[in-house]
Protein backbone atom coordinates (compact mmCIF):
# COMPACT_ATOMS: atom_id res chain seq x y z
CA MET A 1 35.67 -31.58 37.73
CA LYS A 2 36.70 -28.25 35.87
CA GLU A 3 36.77 -29.91 32.51
CA LYS A 4 33.09 -31.11 33.14
CA LEU A 5 32.09 -27.77 34.21
CA LYS A 6 33.71 -26.29 31.02
CA MET A 7 31.89 -28.79 28.86
CA VAL A 8 28.40 -28.18 30.39
CA THR A 9 28.91 -24.45 30.13
CA THR A 10 29.94 -24.77 26.38
CA LEU A 11 26.96 -27.05 25.81
CA LEU A 12 24.56 -24.77 27.63
CA ALA A 13 26.14 -21.90 25.39
CA PHE A 14 25.62 -23.72 22.17
CA ILE A 15 21.92 -24.65 23.08
CA SER A 16 21.16 -20.71 23.82
CA PHE A 17 22.68 -19.94 20.62
CA ILE A 18 20.42 -22.25 18.89
CA VAL A 19 17.02 -21.01 20.60
CA VAL A 20 17.86 -17.40 20.19
CA GLY A 21 18.68 -17.92 16.72
CA GLY A 22 15.49 -19.71 16.05
CA VAL A 23 13.22 -17.13 17.58
CA SER A 24 14.92 -14.15 15.68
CA ALA A 25 14.32 -16.20 12.31
CA ALA A 26 10.46 -16.37 13.01
CA SER A 27 9.96 -12.81 13.90
CA TYR A 28 7.27 -10.89 12.38
CA VAL A 29 5.70 -7.39 12.10
CA THR A 30 1.99 -7.12 12.43
CA TYR A 31 0.05 -4.89 10.07
CA ALA A 32 -3.39 -3.41 10.09
CA GLY A 33 -4.11 -1.04 7.52
CA VAL A 34 -6.60 0.20 4.77
CA LEU A 35 -6.33 -0.59 1.24
CA PRO A 36 -6.82 2.58 -0.99
CA ARG A 37 -9.95 2.62 -3.48
CA PHE A 38 -9.66 2.19 -7.20
CA GLN A 39 -6.57 -0.37 -6.66
CA GLY A 40 -4.31 2.04 -5.25
CA ASP A 41 -1.58 0.30 -3.57
CA THR A 42 0.02 0.84 0.18
CA GLU A 43 2.71 -0.11 2.12
CA LEU A 44 1.39 -2.52 5.12
CA ALA A 45 4.68 -3.51 6.69
CA SER A 46 8.41 -3.16 6.51
CA ALA A 47 11.67 -4.99 8.02
CA ASN A 48 14.99 -5.88 7.36
CA LYS A 49 15.34 -9.07 4.97
CA ALA A 50 18.08 -10.90 6.61
CA THR A 51 18.32 -14.30 4.91
CA ASN A 52 17.51 -15.69 1.38
CA SER A 53 14.56 -17.64 2.91
CA LYS A 54 11.20 -17.24 1.62
CA SER A 55 9.00 -14.29 3.18
CA LYS A 56 5.72 -15.25 4.69
CA VAL A 57 2.45 -13.47 5.20
CA GLU A 58 -0.57 -14.69 7.60
CA ASN A 59 -3.19 -12.48 6.33
CA SER A 60 -6.19 -12.51 9.11
CA VAL A 61 -8.57 -10.02 7.64
CA VAL A 62 -9.67 -8.62 4.26
CA GLY A 63 -12.97 -6.46 5.07
CA ALA A 64 -16.07 -7.90 3.84
CA ASP A 65 -15.85 -10.12 0.79
CA TYR A 66 -12.88 -8.39 -0.86
CA LYS A 67 -9.67 -9.92 -1.69
CA ALA A 68 -6.16 -8.34 -1.95
CA ASN A 69 -3.07 -8.92 -3.94
CA MET A 70 0.19 -8.77 -2.23
CA TRP A 71 4.17 -8.52 -3.20
CA ILE A 72 7.29 -7.38 -1.47
CA GLN A 73 9.37 -4.55 -2.63
CA GLN A 74 12.78 -3.09 -1.88
CA GLY A 75 12.68 0.54 -2.16
CA SER A 76 10.54 1.25 -5.42
CA THR A 77 11.61 -2.20 -6.91
CA LYS A 78 9.28 -5.33 -6.74
CA VAL A 79 11.30 -8.18 -5.50
CA SER A 80 8.70 -10.97 -5.47
CA PRO A 81 5.96 -12.21 -7.71
CA THR A 82 2.34 -11.09 -6.64
CA ALA A 83 0.05 -13.13 -4.53
CA LEU A 84 -3.27 -12.79 -6.13
CA ASN A 85 -6.68 -12.91 -4.45
CA VAL A 86 -5.67 -13.06 -0.79
CA THR A 87 -8.50 -13.46 1.62
CA ASP A 88 -9.29 -14.09 5.23
CA ASN A 89 -7.14 -16.27 7.31
CA ASP A 90 -5.05 -16.77 4.13
CA THR A 91 -1.26 -17.56 4.39
CA ARG A 92 1.05 -16.94 1.44
CA TYR A 93 4.87 -17.56 0.55
CA PHE A 94 6.90 -15.19 -1.37
CA THR A 95 10.43 -15.92 -3.00
CA VAL A 96 12.24 -12.80 -2.65
CA ASP A 97 14.89 -11.79 -5.15
CA GLN A 98 18.65 -12.34 -3.58
CA SER A 99 19.37 -8.62 -4.21
CA ALA A 100 16.94 -7.77 -1.45
CA VAL A 101 18.82 -9.81 1.25
CA GLY A 102 20.33 -7.29 3.73
CA LYS A 103 18.21 -4.65 3.16
CA LYS A 104 14.85 -3.08 4.13
CA VAL A 105 11.78 -4.72 2.37
CA SER A 106 7.91 -3.64 2.13
CA LEU A 107 5.13 -5.75 2.15
CA MET A 108 2.77 -3.97 -0.36
CA ALA A 109 -1.10 -4.50 -1.36
CA GLU A 110 -4.06 -3.49 -3.40
CA ASN A 111 -7.55 -4.52 -3.79
CA ALA A 112 -7.86 -7.55 -6.23
CA SER A 113 -10.41 -5.55 -8.04
CA PHE A 114 -11.27 -2.08 -8.87
CA THR A 115 -13.63 -1.01 -6.14
CA TYR A 116 -14.75 2.69 -5.13
CA VAL A 117 -14.56 1.75 -1.35
CA THR A 118 -11.29 1.13 1.00
CA VAL A 119 -11.10 -2.15 2.35
CA ASP A 120 -9.68 -2.93 5.81
CA ILE A 121 -6.78 -5.44 6.14
CA ALA A 122 -4.84 -6.94 8.87
CA GLY A 123 -2.08 -9.72 9.45
CA LYS A 124 1.66 -10.72 10.09
CA PHE A 125 4.55 -10.51 7.94
CA TYR A 126 7.54 -12.41 8.21
CA PRO A 127 10.37 -11.11 6.19
CA ASP A 128 12.38 -14.26 7.03
CA ASN A 129 10.65 -17.54 7.39
């Protein structure tokens, strides 16, 4: 009986580990900000990049009919390619440079075209997808 109880306890601990690990890997940071005029860039969100998996952005809103360009930085260094012309309800994946793993990364954005107005933007940033 003790052996059976030990086996069940071990199995439950293992299942808990898998479930908790799965939840943390899918964590995200919400962002809601304003893209500056004249294609100035801005930091929308930041988080720790724990693994070498791709990062994901689920962008829900870019104001009016505007579009955004987005990328990921670690400090002042760009560590991903730029996603161009991101729009409303647009999901993008970023391959992030291995040098950023274990460090804080930032989701950066700018207006996709030179504009005289500021533009609202909102969504979710998943540093590890």
